[in-house]
Amino acid sequence: MVSNAITVWNTVYMQAAIDELVRKGESIEDSELVHLSPIRFQHINRYGRFRFDIGDDVASSGLRPLRSD
């Protein structure tokens, strides 16, 4: 169940990043988006223990700020 929650969380952040790029004028084609997956990330530990430390910035807005670099 935790893996599913992390996948949903990754999906939310990926969509936020895509929306931000489009807002800044980037052109993103559907043919590029098909190569993205919210599952295949190194930080997902599907077989271990998880520790969640939610900072004040996340608790107040629901999302961490996107990196701009």
C-alpha atoms as a PDB file:
ATOM      1  CA  MET A   1       0.000   0.000   0.000  1.00  0.00           C
ATOM      2  CA  VAL A   2       2.869   2.387   0.760  1.00  0.00           C
ATOM      3  CA  SER A   3       4.304   1.832  -2.718  1.00  0.00           C
ATOM      4  CA  ASN A   4       0.955   2.809  -4.197  1.00  0.00           C
ATOM      5  CA  ALA A   5       0.851   5.979  -2.106  1.00  0.00           C
ATOM      6  CA  ILE A   6       4.378   6.899  -3.210  1.00  0.00           C
ATOM      7  CA  THR A   7       3.439   6.292  -6.838  1.00  0.00           C
ATOM      8  CA  VAL A   8       0.446   8.623  -6.480  1.00  0.00           C
ATOM      9  CA  TRP A   9       2.655  11.225  -4.775  1.00  0.00           C
ATOM     10  CA  ASN A  10       5.197  10.995  -7.605  1.00  0.00           C
ATOM     11  CA  THR A  11       2.394  11.378 -10.148  1.00  0.00           C
ATOM     12  CA  VAL A  12       1.156  14.548  -8.435  1.00  0.00           C
ATOM     13  CA  TYR A  13       4.658  16.060  -8.443  1.00  0.00           C
ATOM     14  CA  MET A  14       5.373  15.030 -12.019  1.00  0.00           C
ATOM     15  CA  GLN A  15       2.144  16.676 -13.159  1.00  0.00           C
ATOM     16  CA  ALA A  16       2.985  19.819 -11.166  1.00  0.00           C
ATOM     17  CA  ALA A  17       6.403  19.956 -12.849  1.00  0.00           C
ATOM     18  CA  ILE A  18       4.866  19.475 -16.298  1.00  0.00           C
ATOM     19  CA  ASP A  19       2.276  22.181 -15.605  1.00  0.00           C
ATOM     20  CA  GLU A  20       5.031  24.561 -14.488  1.00  0.00           C
ATOM     21  CA  LEU A  21       7.083  23.928 -17.633  1.00  0.00           C
ATOM     22  CA  VAL A  22       4.039  24.550 -19.832  1.00  0.00           C
ATOM     23  CA  ARG A  23       3.234  27.700 -17.850  1.00  0.00           C
ATOM     24  CA  LYS A  24       6.772  28.926 -18.582  1.00  0.00           C
ATOM     25  CA  GLY A  25       6.224  28.384 -22.304  1.00  0.00           C
ATOM     26  CA  GLU A  26       7.831  24.980 -22.825  1.00  0.00           C
ATOM     27  CA  SER A  27       6.252  22.812 -25.486  1.00  0.00           C
ATOM     28  CA  ILE A  28       5.710  19.272 -24.238  1.00  0.00           C
ATOM     29  CA  GLU A  29       4.354  16.716 -26.679  1.00  0.00           C
ATOM     30  CA  ASP A  30       2.351  13.646 -25.714  1.00  0.00           C
ATOM     31  CA  SER A  31       5.010  11.585 -27.481  1.00  0.00           C
ATOM     32  CA  GLU A  32       7.502  12.792 -24.844  1.00  0.00           C
ATOM     33  CA  LEU A  33       5.197  12.144 -21.897  1.00  0.00           C
ATOM     34  CA  VAL A  34       4.753   8.462 -22.739  1.00  0.00           C
ATOM     35  CA  HIS A  35       8.351   7.900 -21.600  1.00  0.00           C
ATOM     36  CA  LEU A  36       7.628   9.089 -18.041  1.00  0.00           C
ATOM     37  CA  SER A  37       6.676   6.748 -15.233  1.00  0.00           C
ATOM     38  CA  PRO A  38       5.953   7.582 -11.584  1.00  0.00           C
ATOM     39  CA  ILE A  39       7.057   4.087 -10.572  1.00  0.00           C
ATOM     40  CA  ARG A  40      10.622   3.806 -11.847  1.00  0.00           C
ATOM     41  CA  PHE A  41      12.494   5.997  -9.411  1.00  0.00           C
ATOM     42  CA  GLN A  42      15.496   5.130  -7.295  1.00  0.00           C
ATOM     43  CA  HIS A  43      13.989   6.598  -4.114  1.00  0.00           C
ATOM     44  CA  ILE A  44      11.152   4.050  -4.037  1.00  0.00           C
ATOM     45  CA  ASN A  45      12.057   1.232  -1.687  1.00  0.00           C
ATOM     46  CA  ARG A  46       9.444  -1.408  -2.401  1.00  0.00           C
ATOM     47  CA  TYR A  47      10.774  -3.942   0.084  1.00  0.00           C
ATOM     48  CA  GLY A  48      11.938  -1.980   3.107  1.00  0.00           C
ATOM     49  CA  ARG A  49      10.841   0.353   5.847  1.00  0.00           C
ATOM     50  CA  PHE A  50       9.681   3.887   5.258  1.00  0.00           C
ATOM     51  CA  ARG A  51      10.094   6.980   7.391  1.00  0.00           C
ATOM     52  CA  PHE A  52       8.028  10.060   6.635  1.00  0.00           C
ATOM     53  CA  ASP A  53       9.312  13.389   7.916  1.00  0.00           C
ATOM     54  CA  ILE A  54       6.936  16.036   6.643  1.00  0.00           C
ATOM     55  CA  GLY A  55       8.348  19.534   6.980  1.00  0.00           C
ATOM     56  CA  ASP A  56       6.397  22.707   7.684  1.00  0.00           C
ATOM     57  CA  ASP A  57       6.425  23.780   4.015  1.00  0.00           C
ATOM     58  CA  VAL A  58       4.717  20.536   2.974  1.00  0.00           C
ATOM     59  CA  ALA A  59       2.271  20.529   5.868  1.00  0.00           C
ATOM     60  CA  SER A  60       1.070  24.053   5.068  1.00  0.00           C
ATOM     61  CA  SER A  61       0.653  23.750   1.287  1.00  0.00           C
ATOM     62  CA  GLY A  62       0.432  20.024   0.590  1.00  0.00           C
ATOM     63  CA  LEU A  63       3.362  20.058  -1.874  1.00  0.00           C
ATOM     64  CA  ARG A  64       7.039  20.845  -1.573  1.00  0.00           C
ATOM     65  CA  PRO A  65       8.193  23.722  -3.780  1.00  0.00           C
ATOM     66  CA  LEU A  66       9.403  22.574  -7.203  1.00  0.00           C
ATOM     67  CA  ARG A  67      13.112  22.979  -7.913  1.00  0.00           C
ATOM     68  CA  SER A  68      13.781  25.666 -10.488  1.00  0.00           C
ATOM     69  CA  ASP A  69      17.176  24.428 -11.698  1.00  0.00           C
END
